[in-house]
């Protein structure tokens, strides 16, 4: 299973990913821990380094050179 993280504004999770979608994603991806705000994710480089799939929406982190350097295994962004 691919390692994934939800990184978005905390209030956006339920508006973007409903219970059925989150359950389906949890069956297909390894989601270690709760959703993170962008600033919190950047403060946890170890989690970003292991992430292969980014699940995001409003409040997404800027996918700039710094972020991509912290997330070298990133393969997909949704």
C-alpha atoms as a PDB file:
ATOM      1  CA  UNK A   1       0.000   0.000   0.000  1.00  0.00           C
ATOM      2  CA  UNK A   2       1.170   3.515  -0.786  1.00  0.00           C
ATOM      3  CA  UNK A   3       1.785   5.930   2.101  1.00  0.00           C
ATOM      4  CA  UNK A   4      -0.573   8.891   1.917  1.00  0.00           C
ATOM      5  CA  UNK A   5      -1.334  12.055   3.838  1.00  0.00           C
ATOM      6  CA  UNK A   6      -4.294  14.395   3.904  1.00  0.00           C
ATOM      7  CA  UNK A   7      -2.845  17.928   3.932  1.00  0.00           C
ATOM      8  CA  UNK A   8      -5.470  20.681   3.752  1.00  0.00           C
ATOM      9  CA  UNK A   9      -7.399  23.183   5.851  1.00  0.00           C
ATOM     10  CA  UNK A  10      -8.971  21.280   8.764  1.00  0.00           C
ATOM     11  CA  UNK A  11     -12.469  22.567   7.956  1.00  0.00           C
ATOM     12  CA  UNK A  12     -12.228  21.452   4.332  1.00  0.00           C
ATOM     13  CA  UNK A  13     -11.843  17.711   4.937  1.00  0.00           C
ATOM     14  CA  UNK A  14     -15.533  16.904   5.370  1.00  0.00           C
ATOM     15  CA  UNK A  15     -16.533  19.201   2.494  1.00  0.00           C
ATOM     16  CA  UNK A  16     -14.168  17.464   0.060  1.00  0.00           C
ATOM     17  CA  UNK A  17     -13.878  13.873   1.290  1.00  0.00           C
ATOM     18  CA  UNK A  18     -17.094  12.349   2.632  1.00  0.00           C
ATOM     19  CA  UNK A  19     -17.236   9.306   4.914  1.00  0.00           C
ATOM     20  CA  UNK A  20     -17.591   6.850   2.033  1.00  0.00           C
ATOM     21  CA  UNK A  21     -14.663   8.369   0.133  1.00  0.00           C
ATOM     22  CA  UNK A  22     -12.442   8.402   3.228  1.00  0.00           C
ATOM     23  CA  UNK A  23     -13.311   4.757   3.959  1.00  0.00           C
ATOM     24  CA  UNK A  24     -12.493   3.771   0.383  1.00  0.00           C
ATOM     25  CA  UNK A  25      -9.169   5.649   0.503  1.00  0.00           C
ATOM     26  CA  UNK A  26      -8.320   4.045   3.873  1.00  0.00           C
ATOM     27  CA  UNK A  27      -8.805   0.620   2.257  1.00  0.00           C
ATOM     28  CA  UNK A  28      -6.433   1.496  -0.591  1.00  0.00           C
ATOM     29  CA  UNK A  29      -3.782   3.650   1.092  1.00  0.00           C
ATOM     30  CA  UNK A  30      -1.748   3.647   4.286  1.00  0.00           C
ATOM     31  CA  UNK A  31      -2.915   6.804   6.087  1.00  0.00           C
ATOM     32  CA  UNK A  32      -0.735   7.125   9.208  1.00  0.00           C
ATOM     33  CA  UNK A  33      -2.318   9.743  11.406  1.00  0.00           C
ATOM     34  CA  UNK A  34      -4.942  12.451  11.162  1.00  0.00           C
ATOM     35  CA  UNK A  35      -5.192  15.124   8.440  1.00  0.00           C
ATOM     36  CA  UNK A  36      -2.654  17.940   8.727  1.00  0.00           C
ATOM     37  CA  UNK A  37      -2.781  21.640   7.979  1.00  0.00           C
ATOM     38  CA  UNK A  38      -0.054  22.717   5.544  1.00  0.00           C
ATOM     39  CA  UNK A  39       2.042  24.456   8.219  1.00  0.00           C
ATOM     40  CA  UNK A  40       1.850  21.397  10.489  1.00  0.00           C
ATOM     41  CA  UNK A  41       2.906  19.109   7.642  1.00  0.00           C
ATOM     42  CA  UNK A  42       5.940  21.246   6.843  1.00  0.00           C
ATOM     43  CA  UNK A  43       6.960  20.993  10.488  1.00  0.00           C
ATOM     44  CA  UNK A  44       7.017  17.179  10.200  1.00  0.00           C
ATOM     45  CA  UNK A  45       9.611  16.415   7.503  1.00  0.00           C
ATOM     46  CA  UNK A  46       9.810  12.731   8.437  1.00  0.00           C
ATOM     47  CA  UNK A  47       6.141  12.226   7.537  1.00  0.00           C
ATOM     48  CA  UNK A  48       6.569  14.129   4.277  1.00  0.00           C
ATOM     49  CA  UNK A  49       9.630  12.055   3.403  1.00  0.00           C
ATOM     50  CA  UNK A  50       7.562   8.850   3.601  1.00  0.00           C
ATOM     51  CA  UNK A  51       4.525  10.199   1.720  1.00  0.00           C
ATOM     52  CA  UNK A  52       3.841   8.843  -1.774  1.00  0.00           C
ATOM     53  CA  UNK A  53       0.304  10.184  -2.280  1.00  0.00           C
ATOM     54  CA  UNK A  54      -0.949  13.624  -1.262  1.00  0.00           C
ATOM     55  CA  UNK A  55      -4.692  14.015  -0.673  1.00  0.00           C
ATOM     56  CA  UNK A  56      -5.516  17.693  -0.528  1.00  0.00           C
ATOM     57  CA  UNK A  57      -7.937  20.485  -1.327  1.00  0.00           C
ATOM     58  CA  UNK A  58      -8.486  24.016  -0.009  1.00  0.00           C
ATOM     59  CA  UNK A  59      -5.468  25.000   2.021  1.00  0.00           C
ATOM     60  CA  UNK A  60      -3.130  22.748   0.078  1.00  0.00           C
ATOM     61  CA  UNK A  61       0.556  23.264   0.655  1.00  0.00           C
ATOM     62  CA  UNK A  62       2.453  25.072  -2.065  1.00  0.00           C
ATOM     63  CA  UNK A  63       4.131  22.377  -4.145  1.00  0.00           C
ATOM     64  CA  UNK A  64       7.301  24.392  -4.491  1.00  0.00           C
ATOM     65  CA  UNK A  65      10.929  23.257  -4.553  1.00  0.00           C
ATOM     66  CA  UNK A  66      11.117  23.159  -0.741  1.00  0.00           C
ATOM     67  CA  UNK A  67       8.025  20.975  -0.428  1.00  0.00           C
ATOM     68  CA  UNK A  68       9.160  18.621  -3.178  1.00  0.00           C
ATOM     69  CA  UNK A  69      12.569  18.339  -1.535  1.00  0.00           C
ATOM     70  CA  UNK A  70      10.854  17.303   1.715  1.00  0.00           C
ATOM     71  CA  UNK A  71       8.644  14.801  -0.166  1.00  0.00           C
ATOM     72  CA  UNK A  72      11.063  12.931  -2.450  1.00  0.00           C
ATOM     73  CA  UNK A  73       8.803   9.868  -2.792  1.00  0.00           C
ATOM     74  CA  UNK A  74       5.708  11.848  -3.874  1.00  0.00           C
ATOM     75  CA  UNK A  75       4.092  10.175  -6.893  1.00  0.00           C
ATOM     76  CA  UNK A  76       0.544  11.544  -7.029  1.00  0.00           C
ATOM     77  CA  UNK A  77      -1.488  14.526  -5.837  1.00  0.00           C
ATOM     78  CA  UNK A  78      -5.284  14.450  -5.559  1.00  0.00           C
END
